[in-house]
């Protein structure tokens, strides 16, 4: 499976670790390719 780079952020807070956790996919096309590979493996 391909490695997909994401950035973890704390939304709605200026204090690290205190906001709502969210993951941001840095490359949408990379994520789509990874999901296609995952579905083929199932």
Protein backbone atom coordinates (compact mmCIF):
# COMPACT_ATOMS: atom_id res chain seq x y z
CA UNK A 1 0.00 0.00 0.00
CA UNK A 2 1.24 3.49 -0.82
CA UNK A 3 2.29 5.91 1.87
CA UNK A 4 0.00 8.94 2.08
CA UNK A 5 1.29 12.06 3.80
CA UNK A 6 -1.14 13.80 6.11
CA UNK A 7 -0.85 16.68 8.56
CA UNK A 8 -2.53 16.41 11.96
CA UNK A 9 -4.02 19.68 13.14
CA UNK A 10 -6.02 20.79 16.18
CA UNK A 11 -9.00 22.69 14.81
CA UNK A 12 -10.74 25.45 16.76
CA UNK A 13 -7.90 25.95 19.26
CA UNK A 14 -4.65 27.87 19.49
CA UNK A 15 -3.39 25.45 22.17
CA UNK A 16 -1.76 22.27 20.74
CA UNK A 17 -3.62 19.11 21.71
CA UNK A 18 -6.73 20.96 22.92
CA UNK A 19 -8.78 21.37 19.72
CA UNK A 20 -10.76 18.95 17.59
CA UNK A 21 -8.27 16.61 15.88
CA UNK A 22 -8.31 16.62 12.09
CA UNK A 23 -6.12 15.09 9.42
CA UNK A 24 -5.39 16.95 6.20
CA UNK A 25 -4.39 15.00 3.11
CA UNK A 26 -1.55 16.91 1.46
CA UNK A 27 -1.97 15.34 -1.97
CA UNK A 28 -5.50 14.41 -3.02
CA UNK A 29 -4.34 12.44 -6.06
CA UNK A 30 -1.93 10.42 -3.92
CA UNK A 31 -4.79 9.58 -1.53
CA UNK A 32 -7.07 8.49 -4.40
CA UNK A 33 -4.38 6.17 -5.79
CA UNK A 34 -3.86 4.67 -2.34
CA UNK A 35 -7.59 3.98 -1.94
CA UNK A 36 -7.76 2.36 -5.38
CA UNK A 37 -4.89 0.04 -4.41
CA UNK A 38 -6.56 -0.78 -1.10
CA UNK A 39 -9.84 -1.73 -2.79
CA UNK A 40 -8.03 -4.01 -5.22
CA UNK A 41 -6.33 -5.83 -2.32
CA UNK A 42 -9.65 -6.57 -0.56
